[in-house]
């Protein structure tokens, strides 16, 4: 097993794994959405990779086995985020033939260490039932926030 951060030579691989994540999570994408997302991802990865976006890749005998992404954001500091910096974990994906071998855990540990180096106050994620046990073993806690997440869809 090799665990490493993606580099600019991996942009095509990152785009593919993002779409693989959508498929694994049963998203339905139109051709127009695929085209729009593909274009945005290429630009995003080129601009943000290893600055405020980190992608942990786990490889087994030269094949991609698992991934996890960390997006770093800045905001005015507050009592929950005294550094004003926090992270969001996305796209945790282990391909079916590699599950239950510790690959997602290895990717997450790499991102957690990077989050510490980046002086983040916290990292958050949305856990699937399948991933919840992995995250709890790594120290993630359910927030039970007093605020209800809400969003306004603009597109």
Protein backbone atom coordinates (compact mmCIF):
# COMPACT_ATOMS: atom_id res chain seq x y z
CA UNK A 1 0.00 0.00 0.00
CA UNK A 2 1.26 3.46 -0.95
CA UNK A 3 -0.45 6.52 0.55
CA UNK A 4 0.43 9.85 -1.02
CA UNK A 5 -0.93 13.27 -1.86
CA UNK A 6 -2.03 13.83 -5.43
CA UNK A 7 0.06 16.12 -7.61
CA UNK A 8 -0.67 17.96 -10.85
CA UNK A 9 0.07 14.81 -12.87
CA UNK A 10 -2.96 13.24 -11.14
CA UNK A 11 -5.60 15.76 -12.25
CA UNK A 12 -7.24 13.35 -14.72
CA UNK A 13 -7.28 10.67 -12.01
CA UNK A 14 -8.89 13.12 -9.57
CA UNK A 15 -11.61 13.97 -12.07
CA UNK A 16 -12.31 10.29 -12.69
CA UNK A 17 -12.47 9.45 -8.99
CA UNK A 18 -14.86 12.36 -8.36
CA UNK A 19 -17.25 10.92 -10.95
CA UNK A 20 -16.71 7.43 -9.50
CA UNK A 21 -17.81 8.85 -6.16
CA UNK A 22 -20.98 10.26 -7.74
CA UNK A 23 -21.71 6.84 -9.24
CA UNK A 24 -21.08 5.03 -5.94
CA UNK A 25 -23.43 7.46 -4.20
CA UNK A 26 -26.12 6.91 -6.87
CA UNK A 27 -26.17 10.46 -8.25
CA UNK A 28 -27.98 10.86 -11.56
CA UNK A 29 -26.10 13.22 -13.87
CA UNK A 30 -27.27 14.68 -17.15
CA UNK A 31 -24.82 15.13 -20.01
CA UNK A 32 -24.91 18.88 -19.37
CA UNK A 33 -24.08 18.40 -15.68
CA UNK A 34 -21.22 16.05 -16.54
CA UNK A 35 -19.79 18.58 -18.98
CA UNK A 36 -20.12 21.48 -16.51
CA UNK A 37 -18.69 19.54 -13.56
CA UNK A 38 -15.81 18.10 -15.62
CA UNK A 39 -14.78 21.58 -16.75
CA UNK A 40 -14.99 23.02 -13.24
CA UNK A 41 -13.02 20.16 -11.71
CA UNK A 42 -10.12 20.54 -14.15
CA UNK A 43 -9.86 24.26 -13.36
CA UNK A 44 -10.36 23.77 -9.64
CA UNK A 45 -7.72 21.07 -9.24
CA UNK A 46 -5.15 23.04 -11.24
CA UNK A 47 -5.73 26.14 -9.10
CA UNK A 48 -6.16 24.64 -5.61
CA UNK A 49 -4.25 21.35 -5.48
CA UNK A 50 -1.89 21.22 -2.50
CA UNK A 51 -2.76 24.80 -1.52
CA UNK A 52 -6.23 24.69 0.03
CA UNK A 53 -7.26 21.34 -1.43
CA UNK A 54 -5.48 18.07 -0.66
CA UNK A 55 -6.27 14.66 -2.13
CA UNK A 56 -4.98 11.57 -0.37
CA UNK A 57 -4.55 8.65 -2.78
CA UNK A 58 -4.07 5.06 -1.65
CA UNK A 59 -2.58 2.75 -4.23
CA UNK A 60 -2.22 -1.02 -4.17
CA UNK A 61 0.14 -2.57 -6.70
CA UNK A 62 -0.12 0.50 -8.92
CA UNK A 63 -3.94 0.66 -8.85
CA UNK A 64 -5.97 3.33 -7.10
CA UNK A 65 -7.70 1.69 -4.12
CA UNK A 66 -9.07 4.61 -2.10
CA UNK A 67 -9.23 8.41 -1.89
CA UNK A 68 -10.16 11.17 0.50
CA UNK A 69 -10.21 14.92 -0.15
CA UNK A 70 -9.68 17.85 2.24
CA UNK A 71 -10.91 21.35 1.36
CA UNK A 72 -9.61 24.15 3.58
CA UNK A 73 -11.60 27.33 4.20
CA UNK A 74 -10.91 30.57 6.03
CA UNK A 75 -13.40 32.66 7.98
CA UNK A 76 -13.38 35.22 10.77
CA UNK A 77 -12.36 33.45 13.98
CA UNK A 78 -15.00 32.54 16.54
CA UNK A 79 -15.29 30.40 19.66
CA UNK A 80 -15.67 27.18 17.64
CA UNK A 81 -12.95 28.09 15.15
CA UNK A 82 -10.30 30.17 16.95
CA UNK A 83 -7.78 29.90 14.09
CA UNK A 84 -10.36 30.97 11.52
CA UNK A 85 -9.38 27.92 9.47
CA UNK A 86 -11.33 24.69 9.10
CA UNK A 87 -11.55 21.77 6.72
CA UNK A 88 -14.24 19.73 5.04
CA UNK A 89 -13.54 16.11 4.07
CA UNK A 90 -15.09 14.99 0.80
CA UNK A 91 -14.98 12.09 -1.60
CA UNK A 92 -13.92 9.36 0.79
CA UNK A 93 -14.12 6.39 -1.54
CA UNK A 94 -12.73 2.89 -1.35
CA UNK A 95 -13.23 0.78 -4.44
CA UNK A 96 -15.21 -2.35 -3.61
CA UNK A 97 -12.39 -4.87 -4.08
CA UNK A 98 -10.21 -2.94 -1.58
CA UNK A 99 -12.72 -2.46 1.25
CA UNK A 100 -12.04 -3.57 4.82
CA UNK A 101 -8.25 -3.39 4.38
CA UNK A 102 -7.65 -0.07 6.15
CA UNK A 103 -7.20 2.02 3.00
CA UNK A 104 -9.81 4.68 3.87
CA UNK A 105 -8.34 4.90 7.36
CA UNK A 106 -4.86 5.44 5.91
CA UNK A 107 -6.14 8.21 3.61
CA UNK A 108 -8.00 9.88 6.48
CA UNK A 109 -4.97 9.75 8.79
CA UNK A 110 -2.92 11.50 6.11
CA UNK A 111 -5.55 14.25 5.80
CA UNK A 112 -5.79 14.64 9.58
CA UNK A 113 -2.02 15.16 9.81
CA UNK A 114 -2.20 17.74 7.00
CA UNK A 115 -5.07 19.49 8.81
CA UNK A 116 -2.84 19.79 11.89
CA UNK A 117 0.04 21.17 9.78
CA UNK A 118 -2.37 23.69 8.25
CA UNK A 119 -3.42 24.88 11.75
CA UNK A 120 -7.09 24.04 11.26
CA UNK A 121 -9.43 24.37 14.23
CA UNK A 122 -11.46 21.36 13.11
CA UNK A 123 -12.38 19.20 10.18
CA UNK A 124 -15.90 18.08 9.40
CA UNK A 125 -17.55 15.57 7.12
CA UNK A 126 -20.87 13.97 6.29
CA UNK A 127 -20.68 10.30 7.20
CA UNK A 128 -22.45 7.50 5.39
CA UNK A 129 -23.55 4.53 7.48
CA UNK A 130 -20.72 2.49 5.92
CA UNK A 131 -18.08 5.07 6.87
CA UNK A 132 -19.34 6.11 10.30
CA UNK A 133 -17.34 3.44 12.17
CA UNK A 134 -14.08 4.45 10.48
CA UNK A 135 -14.60 8.10 11.38
CA UNK A 136 -15.53 7.34 14.99
CA UNK A 137 -12.35 5.24 15.39
CA UNK A 138 -10.38 8.27 14.15
CA UNK A 139 -11.99 10.51 16.79
CA UNK A 140 -14.81 12.16 14.84
CA UNK A 141 -17.90 12.88 16.91
CA UNK A 142 -21.49 13.49 15.96
CA UNK A 143 -22.04 17.18 16.57
CA UNK A 144 -25.63 17.31 17.70
CA UNK A 145 -25.48 20.95 16.68
CA UNK A 146 -28.13 23.29 17.99
CA UNK A 147 -28.35 24.71 14.49
CA UNK A 148 -30.18 22.96 11.68
CA UNK A 149 -28.18 22.81 8.43
CA UNK A 150 -29.99 24.65 5.65
CA UNK A 151 -29.16 25.70 2.13
CA UNK A 152 -30.57 27.78 -0.70
CA UNK A 153 -30.11 26.16 -4.10
CA UNK A 154 -29.03 28.72 -6.71
CA UNK A 155 -28.36 26.43 -9.69
